[in-house]
């Protein structure tokens, strides 16, 4: 979904997803949409001012792309039911359970708990002990909701990604920059911890674009200046690489890899370099079938082009905390230009793209469970400091998600 998604486009995407399901699931998804439409006032908007129906439907498409199963897609559409359900109609959860089933109702309730994360992160430093205690209780409920079904927090990340897309069409303002800062402080690191690259890069780039528009535009303009030249260079490099890969007779895939603006900015800050001093503005990715093939291909790459000292990382032998695995190297390519090469298996790439969301892709075959459990273990670690949250401010909360 683009940042200019209309309600009609969002409806069409939802209808296409619904049509591809089994008959009982089609009915459940249709019932969920009808329930939401009856519950949400016609003029309902999100906290950022976006009309509510396009917002939840656009986020639901992201959830569908993550393959989190139809119940999660329905719950995304229904995510504001707890807030909007008419008080005179009884209990929203009872009504929703009757219409869409227990799982959808529980996911919707979980999202409601997680929505309070934003409120918690904005605790005033002068809040009373009673207010802090209430916020700590909210945080505990949120974390427990995340642990019981991690799809809840993935849905929240999709909803925040949609908010950031919508803000791209809004004028600069202190509120917009505050939402962007919160996104970079809390939600982007959370997407990173869960390994959901598809949402992580959008949250980072849009957060950076809205919080620091001047620096974002400067880097974007520098990238645009030589975009055609860089694409031609990557195409030439890939043709050389394919020629060598064909000689060893294995299944592989090679492609250029876009470098996202926020990752470029972070590298410039970390290495204290300007744009022209970065080695790896150009990047390619090689996918193969087995781990031994990863190292064989690394040997081929290093035999053809000189590796740059200090720029090699083996995340296969030493995976990142979020389970990410890949070989990273930077070499001096043709014309003496630096180029980053990432090498991994197809299976690693699938996990690196979707992170903990890959669990639902593999659920039927029983794969991915150990990685899923690692994510659950991390979420449980957050519970370890729950008793200290009553004395903590938002800086501690943001730091906990980043470490």
Protein backbone atom coordinates (compact mmCIF):
# COMPACT_ATOMS: atom_id res chain seq x y z
CA UNK A 1 0.00 0.00 0.00
CA UNK A 2 1.28 3.45 -0.89
CA UNK A 3 1.05 6.51 1.32
CA UNK A 4 -1.86 7.76 -0.84
CA UNK A 5 -4.04 4.65 -0.51
CA UNK A 6 -7.74 5.36 -1.04
CA UNK A 7 -10.55 3.56 0.74
CA UNK A 8 -11.60 1.92 -2.55
CA UNK A 9 -8.07 0.58 -3.20
CA UNK A 10 -7.88 -0.73 0.35
CA UNK A 11 -11.27 -2.44 -0.02
CA UNK A 12 -10.19 -4.05 -3.30
CA UNK A 13 -7.03 -5.46 -1.72
CA UNK A 14 -9.04 -6.88 1.19
CA UNK A 15 -11.61 -8.36 -1.21
CA UNK A 16 -8.85 -10.02 -3.27
CA UNK A 17 -7.31 -11.53 -0.14
CA UNK A 18 -10.72 -12.72 1.05
CA UNK A 19 -11.56 -14.32 -2.31
CA UNK A 20 -8.43 -16.49 -2.16
CA UNK A 21 -9.50 -18.17 1.11
CA UNK A 22 -11.68 -21.20 1.88
CA UNK A 23 -15.44 -20.69 2.17
CA UNK A 24 -15.57 -20.56 6.02
CA UNK A 25 -12.63 -18.15 6.09
CA UNK A 26 -14.20 -15.96 3.41
CA UNK A 27 -17.31 -15.67 5.58
CA UNK A 28 -15.25 -14.81 8.68
CA UNK A 29 -13.32 -12.07 6.84
CA UNK A 30 -16.50 -10.62 5.35
CA UNK A 31 -18.17 -10.68 8.78
CA UNK A 32 -15.13 -8.95 10.31
CA UNK A 33 -15.29 -6.13 7.76
CA UNK A 34 -19.03 -5.71 8.30
CA UNK A 35 -18.58 -5.68 12.10
CA UNK A 36 -15.90 -2.96 11.79
CA UNK A 37 -18.02 -0.85 9.43
CA UNK A 38 -21.00 -1.02 11.79
CA UNK A 39 -18.82 -0.17 14.79
CA UNK A 40 -16.67 2.67 13.42
CA UNK A 41 -18.30 6.09 13.07
CA UNK A 42 -18.22 7.42 9.49
CA UNK A 43 -15.95 10.29 10.54
CA UNK A 44 -13.62 8.18 12.75
CA UNK A 45 -9.93 9.04 12.41
CA UNK A 46 -6.67 7.81 13.95
CA UNK A 47 -4.59 9.90 16.36
CA UNK A 48 -2.65 11.19 13.33
CA UNK A 49 -5.85 12.30 11.56
CA UNK A 50 -6.09 9.52 8.95
CA UNK A 51 -9.60 8.21 8.22
CA UNK A 52 -9.91 4.99 10.20
CA UNK A 53 -11.15 2.48 7.58
CA UNK A 54 -8.39 3.10 5.00
CA UNK A 55 -5.88 2.97 7.87
CA UNK A 56 -6.87 -0.43 9.21
CA UNK A 57 -7.42 -1.95 5.75
CA UNK A 58 -4.00 -0.80 4.51
CA UNK A 59 -2.38 -2.25 7.63
CA UNK A 60 -4.36 -5.47 7.11
CA UNK A 61 -2.78 -5.83 3.67
CA UNK A 62 0.69 -5.66 5.26
CA UNK A 63 -0.35 -8.33 7.77
CA UNK A 64 -1.60 -10.48 4.88
CA UNK A 65 1.76 -10.06 3.13
CA UNK A 66 3.47 -11.32 6.29
CA UNK A 67 1.30 -14.46 6.07
CA UNK A 68 0.09 -14.19 9.65
CA UNK A 69 -3.09 -16.13 8.77
CA UNK A 70 -6.60 -14.73 8.16
CA UNK A 71 -7.48 -14.33 11.85
CA UNK A 72 -4.70 -11.74 12.17
CA UNK A 73 -5.86 -9.91 9.03
CA UNK A 74 -9.39 -9.73 10.46
CA UNK A 75 -8.11 -8.54 13.85
CA UNK A 76 -6.18 -5.73 12.15
CA UNK A 77 -9.37 -4.45 10.54
CA UNK A 78 -11.09 -4.73 13.93
CA UNK A 79 -8.24 -3.18 15.92
CA UNK A 80 -10.19 -0.07 16.98
CA UNK A 81 -13.35 -1.92 17.99
CA UNK A 82 -12.50 -1.77 21.74
CA UNK A 83 -12.23 2.02 21.46
CA UNK A 84 -15.24 2.58 19.20
CA UNK A 85 -17.76 -0.07 20.28
CA UNK A 86 -21.01 1.60 21.38
CA UNK A 87 -21.29 1.48 25.18
CA UNK A 88 -24.98 0.65 25.03
CA UNK A 89 -24.48 -2.56 23.04
CA UNK A 90 -22.86 -4.60 25.79
CA UNK A 91 -19.42 -6.27 25.73
CA UNK A 92 -17.53 -5.91 22.45
CA UNK A 93 -15.49 -9.08 23.02
CA UNK A 94 -18.58 -11.24 23.53
CA UNK A 95 -20.19 -9.83 20.40
CA UNK A 96 -17.04 -10.20 18.31
CA UNK A 97 -16.45 -13.78 19.51
CA UNK A 98 -19.93 -14.73 18.32
CA UNK A 99 -19.33 -13.21 14.90
CA UNK A 100 -15.66 -13.99 14.15
CA UNK A 101 -14.56 -16.55 16.72
CA UNK A 102 -12.43 -16.62 19.86
CA UNK A 103 -9.02 -16.21 18.18
CA UNK A 104 -9.99 -13.02 16.35
CA UNK A 105 -11.51 -11.55 19.52
CA UNK A 106 -8.40 -12.40 21.56
CA UNK A 107 -6.08 -10.89 18.95
CA UNK A 108 -8.22 -7.75 18.85
CA UNK A 109 -8.06 -7.47 22.65
CA UNK A 110 -4.30 -8.01 22.54
CA UNK A 111 -3.90 -5.17 20.06
CA UNK A 112 -5.85 -2.94 22.43
CA UNK A 113 -3.31 -3.71 25.18
CA UNK A 114 -0.38 -3.04 22.86
CA UNK A 115 -1.89 0.26 21.69
CA UNK A 116 -1.23 1.51 25.22
CA UNK A 117 2.51 1.29 24.56
CA UNK A 118 2.43 4.74 22.97
CA UNK A 119 0.60 6.16 25.96
CA UNK A 120 3.04 4.53 28.37
CA UNK A 121 6.08 5.86 26.52
CA UNK A 122 4.77 9.40 26.98
CA UNK A 123 4.70 9.28 30.77
CA UNK A 124 5.52 12.73 32.10
CA UNK A 125 8.60 12.81 34.31
CA UNK A 126 6.48 14.59 36.92
CA UNK A 127 3.78 11.90 36.99
CA UNK A 128 2.63 10.82 40.43
CA UNK A 129 3.60 7.41 41.87
CA UNK A 130 -0.01 6.31 41.41
CA UNK A 131 0.07 7.23 37.74
CA UNK A 132 3.39 5.45 37.29
CA UNK A 133 2.00 2.33 39.00
CA UNK A 134 -1.00 2.39 36.66
CA UNK A 135 1.31 2.69 33.68
CA UNK A 136 3.43 -0.20 34.93
CA UNK A 137 0.31 -2.37 35.10
CA UNK A 138 -0.56 -1.36 31.53
CA UNK A 139 2.95 -2.32 30.43
CA UNK A 140 2.68 -5.74 32.08
CA UNK A 141 -0.63 -6.43 30.37
CA UNK A 142 0.83 -5.36 27.03
CA UNK A 143 3.86 -7.60 27.38
CA UNK A 144 1.75 -10.56 28.43
CA UNK A 145 -0.45 -9.98 25.39
CA UNK A 146 2.64 -9.97 23.19
CA UNK A 147 3.90 -13.21 24.70
CA UNK A 148 0.60 -15.09 24.39
CA UNK A 149 0.39 -14.43 20.64
CA UNK A 150 3.26 -12.53 19.08
CA UNK A 151 1.11 -11.68 16.08
CA UNK A 152 -0.37 -8.93 18.23
CA UNK A 153 2.82 -6.91 18.22
CA UNK A 154 3.40 -7.59 14.51
CA UNK A 155 -0.07 -6.14 13.83
CA UNK A 156 0.84 -3.10 15.93
CA UNK A 157 4.00 -2.64 13.85
CA UNK A 158 1.92 -2.81 10.65
CA UNK A 159 -0.51 -0.21 12.02
CA UNK A 160 2.40 2.11 12.93
CA UNK A 161 3.98 1.58 9.50
CA UNK A 162 0.71 2.66 7.93
CA UNK A 163 0.63 5.75 10.15
CA UNK A 164 4.14 6.69 8.99
CA UNK A 165 3.10 6.25 5.36
CA UNK A 166 0.11 8.52 5.91
CA UNK A 167 2.26 11.19 7.60
CA UNK A 168 4.35 11.41 4.42
CA UNK A 169 1.51 13.46 2.94
CA UNK A 170 1.17 15.76 5.98
CA UNK A 171 3.07 19.03 6.49
CA UNK A 172 6.00 19.17 8.90
CA UNK A 173 4.97 19.85 12.50
CA UNK A 174 6.25 19.26 16.05
CA UNK A 175 3.62 16.50 16.47
CA UNK A 176 4.76 14.76 13.29
CA UNK A 177 8.40 14.86 14.43
CA UNK A 178 7.41 13.54 17.86
CA UNK A 179 5.61 10.55 16.32
CA UNK A 180 8.67 9.94 14.12
CA UNK A 181 11.01 10.04 17.13
CA UNK A 182 8.81 7.60 19.00
CA UNK A 183 8.87 5.32 15.94
CA UNK A 184 12.67 5.38 15.79
CA UNK A 185 12.99 4.96 19.58
CA UNK A 186 10.52 2.13 20.12
CA UNK A 187 8.83 0.60 17.08
CA UNK A 188 11.70 0.31 14.60
CA UNK A 189 13.98 -1.35 17.21
CA UNK A 190 11.12 -3.69 18.11
CA UNK A 191 10.73 -4.68 14.42
CA UNK A 192 14.48 -5.22 14.33
CA UNK A 193 14.42 -7.38 17.46
CA UNK A 194 11.71 -9.52 15.90
CA UNK A 195 13.61 -9.66 12.61
CA UNK A 196 10.78 -8.29 10.46
CA UNK A 197 12.91 -6.51 7.88
CA UNK A 198 9.94 -5.65 5.64
CA UNK A 199 8.49 -3.39 8.32
CA UNK A 200 11.80 -2.40 9.95
CA UNK A 201 13.24 -0.56 6.96
CA UNK A 202 9.99 1.36 6.37
CA UNK A 203 9.71 2.38 10.02
CA UNK A 204 13.36 3.50 10.00
CA UNK A 205 13.33 5.39 6.71
CA UNK A 206 9.95 7.05 7.28
CA UNK A 207 10.82 7.82 10.89
CA UNK A 208 14.06 9.46 9.80
CA UNK A 209 12.32 11.28 6.93
CA UNK A 210 9.72 12.79 9.27
CA UNK A 211 11.99 13.51 12.25
CA UNK A 212 14.97 14.93 10.36
CA UNK A 213 13.63 15.94 6.92
CA UNK A 214 16.61 18.16 6.10
CA UNK A 215 19.23 15.41 6.54
CA UNK A 216 16.96 12.85 4.90
CA UNK A 217 16.62 15.03 1.79
CA UNK A 218 20.39 15.67 1.70
CA UNK A 219 21.19 11.95 1.63
CA UNK A 220 18.33 11.19 -0.77
CA UNK A 221 19.61 13.84 -3.17
CA UNK A 222 23.15 12.43 -2.97
CA UNK A 223 21.77 8.99 -3.80
CA UNK A 224 19.67 10.35 -6.68
CA UNK A 225 22.60 12.23 -8.24
CA UNK A 226 24.36 9.02 -9.23
CA UNK A 227 21.48 6.54 -9.24
CA UNK A 228 21.70 5.64 -12.95
CA UNK A 229 25.47 5.30 -12.78
CA UNK A 230 25.16 3.09 -9.69
CA UNK A 231 22.49 0.87 -11.29
CA UNK A 232 24.63 0.39 -14.40
CA UNK A 233 27.60 -0.50 -12.24
CA UNK A 234 25.56 -3.07 -10.26
CA UNK A 235 24.24 -4.63 -13.49
CA UNK A 236 27.81 -4.97 -14.81
CA UNK A 237 29.01 -6.47 -11.52
CA UNK A 238 26.10 -8.95 -11.46
CA UNK A 239 26.87 -10.12 -15.01
CA UNK A 240 30.49 -10.83 -13.98
CA UNK A 241 29.25 -12.62 -10.87
CA UNK A 242 26.74 -14.76 -12.79
CA UNK A 243 29.45 -15.80 -15.24
CA UNK A 244 31.56 -17.15 -12.36
CA UNK A 245 28.61 -18.69 -10.49
CA UNK A 246 27.50 -20.59 -13.59
CA UNK A 247 30.86 -22.36 -13.64
CA UNK A 248 30.28 -24.12 -10.30
CA UNK A 249 26.92 -25.58 -11.27
CA UNK A 250 24.78 -24.79 -8.20
CA UNK A 251 21.34 -23.27 -7.81
CA UNK A 252 21.70 -19.58 -6.94
CA UNK A 253 20.12 -16.16 -7.23
CA UNK A 254 21.91 -12.81 -7.36
CA UNK A 255 20.41 -9.34 -7.22
CA UNK A 256 21.25 -5.76 -6.37
CA UNK A 257 20.22 -4.77 -2.86
CA UNK A 258 18.80 -1.31 -2.13
CA UNK A 259 20.62 0.62 0.59
CA UNK A 260 18.07 2.39 2.73
CA UNK A 261 18.59 5.99 3.71
CA UNK A 262 18.44 5.53 7.48
CA UNK A 263 21.02 2.71 7.38
CA UNK A 264 23.31 4.99 5.35
CA UNK A 265 22.83 7.80 7.86
CA UNK A 266 23.56 5.50 10.83
CA UNK A 267 26.74 4.25 9.15
CA UNK A 268 27.87 7.83 8.45
CA UNK A 269 27.36 8.74 12.11
CA UNK A 270 28.96 5.53 13.46
CA UNK A 271 32.04 5.74 11.24
CA UNK A 272 32.21 9.55 11.33
CA UNK A 273 32.28 9.66 7.54
CA UNK A 274 30.52 11.78 4.97
CA UNK A 275 28.53 10.15 2.17
CA UNK A 276 31.49 9.98 -0.23
CA UNK A 277 33.57 8.15 2.37
CA UNK A 278 31.27 5.12 2.61
CA UNK A 279 32.48 1.92 0.93
CA UNK A 280 29.20 0.13 0.59
CA UNK A 281 26.63 2.41 -1.03
CA UNK A 282 26.55 -0.29 -3.72
CA UNK A 283 25.34 -3.68 -2.53
CA UNK A 284 24.43 -7.11 -3.93
CA UNK A 285 22.98 -10.26 -2.42
CA UNK A 286 23.76 -13.88 -3.34
CA UNK A 287 21.41 -16.69 -2.34
CA UNK A 288 22.42 -20.37 -2.43
CA UNK A 289 20.98 -23.61 -1.03
CA UNK A 290 23.44 -24.72 1.67
CA UNK A 291 25.79 -23.27 4.27
CA UNK A 292 28.91 -24.88 2.68
CA UNK A 293 27.91 -23.21 -0.60
CA UNK A 294 27.83 -19.84 1.21
CA UNK A 295 31.48 -20.20 2.17
CA UNK A 296 32.43 -21.56 -1.28
CA UNK A 297 30.86 -18.51 -2.92
CA UNK A 298 32.64 -16.24 -0.43
CA UNK A 299 35.92 -17.81 -1.54
CA UNK A 300 35.05 -17.14 -5.19
CA UNK A 301 34.16 -13.51 -4.48
CA UNK A 302 37.40 -12.95 -2.54
CA UNK A 303 39.45 -14.63 -5.27
CA UNK A 304 38.02 -12.29 -7.89
CA UNK A 305 38.04 -9.03 -5.92
CA UNK A 306 40.16 -7.74 -3.07
CA UNK A 307 38.31 -7.75 0.29
CA UNK A 308 38.57 -4.55 2.35
CA UNK A 309 40.15 -5.30 5.76
CA UNK A 310 37.83 -4.97 8.74
CA UNK A 311 34.68 -5.13 6.61
CA UNK A 312 33.89 -8.87 6.90
CA UNK A 313 31.21 -10.22 9.25
CA UNK A 314 30.20 -13.88 9.65
CA UNK A 315 26.62 -13.79 10.92
CA UNK A 316 26.17 -17.46 9.97
CA UNK A 317 28.64 -18.68 12.59
CA UNK A 318 27.61 -15.84 14.91
CA UNK A 319 23.95 -14.89 14.24
CA UNK A 320 22.62 -11.51 15.36
CA UNK A 321 20.40 -11.42 18.43
CA UNK A 322 17.27 -11.43 16.27
CA UNK A 323 18.33 -14.63 14.50
CA UNK A 324 19.65 -12.89 11.36
CA UNK A 325 22.19 -15.00 9.46
CA UNK A 326 24.36 -13.99 6.49
CA UNK A 327 27.95 -13.46 5.39
CA UNK A 328 28.81 -9.80 4.80
CA UNK A 329 31.92 -8.65 3.00
CA UNK A 330 32.98 -5.43 1.28
CA UNK A 331 35.28 -5.81 -1.72
CA UNK A 332 37.09 -3.50 -4.12
CA UNK A 333 35.09 -4.14 -7.27
CA UNK A 334 35.60 -3.05 -10.87
CA UNK A 335 36.88 0.53 -11.30
CA UNK A 336 38.22 0.31 -7.72
CA UNK A 337 34.78 1.00 -6.26
CA UNK A 338 33.67 -0.53 -2.96
CA UNK A 339 30.71 -2.90 -3.06
CA UNK A 340 29.04 -4.83 -0.26
CA UNK A 341 28.28 -8.51 -0.92
CA UNK A 342 25.87 -10.47 1.27
CA UNK A 343 25.78 -14.27 0.96
CA UNK A 344 23.16 -16.49 2.59
CA UNK A 345 20.92 -19.49 1.96
CA UNK A 346 17.40 -19.16 0.56
CA UNK A 347 16.04 -20.31 3.92
CA UNK A 348 18.10 -17.73 5.83
CA UNK A 349 16.85 -15.06 3.46
CA UNK A 350 13.24 -16.03 4.11
CA UNK A 351 13.76 -15.74 7.85
CA UNK A 352 15.77 -12.51 7.51
CA UNK A 353 12.92 -10.94 5.53
CA UNK A 354 10.05 -12.00 7.78
CA UNK A 355 11.71 -12.76 11.13
CA UNK A 356 9.35 -14.17 13.70
CA UNK A 357 6.51 -13.79 11.19
CA UNK A 358 8.07 -16.69 9.26
CA UNK A 359 6.78 -18.96 12.03
CA UNK A 360 3.30 -18.85 10.52
CA UNK A 361 4.66 -19.59 7.04
CA UNK A 362 6.26 -22.77 8.38
CA UNK A 363 3.65 -23.63 10.99
CA UNK A 364 2.11 -26.56 9.13
CA UNK A 365 5.49 -28.20 8.54
CA UNK A 366 6.71 -27.59 12.07
CA UNK A 367 9.72 -25.57 10.92
CA UNK A 368 10.91 -22.34 12.47
CA UNK A 369 9.81 -23.22 16.00
CA UNK A 370 13.26 -22.82 17.59
CA UNK A 371 13.65 -19.34 16.13
CA UNK A 372 10.12 -18.50 17.26
CA UNK A 373 10.96 -19.62 20.77
CA UNK A 374 14.03 -17.35 20.76
CA UNK A 375 11.74 -14.38 20.13
CA UNK A 376 9.43 -15.49 22.94
CA UNK A 377 12.48 -15.76 25.21
CA UNK A 378 13.39 -12.15 24.40
CA UNK A 379 9.88 -10.95 25.14
CA UNK A 380 10.00 -12.79 28.45
CA UNK A 381 13.26 -11.00 29.25
CA UNK A 382 11.34 -7.74 29.03
CA UNK A 383 9.11 -9.02 31.81
CA UNK A 384 12.16 -9.42 34.04
CA UNK A 385 12.36 -5.67 34.58
CA UNK A 386 8.60 -5.13 34.91
CA UNK A 387 8.80 -4.34 38.62
CA UNK A 388 11.21 -1.50 37.88
CA UNK A 389 8.97 0.17 35.33
CA UNK A 390 7.06 2.17 37.94
CA UNK A 391 10.25 4.15 38.57
CA UNK A 392 11.25 4.39 34.90
CA UNK A 393 10.61 7.08 32.31
CA UNK A 394 10.30 6.80 28.56
CA UNK A 395 14.08 6.96 28.08
CA UNK A 396 14.45 3.65 29.92
CA UNK A 397 11.66 2.11 27.88
CA UNK A 398 13.23 3.15 24.59
CA UNK A 399 16.65 1.91 25.75
CA UNK A 400 15.22 -1.47 26.72
CA UNK A 401 13.87 -2.02 23.22
CA UNK A 402 17.18 -1.00 21.65
CA UNK A 403 19.63 -3.04 23.70
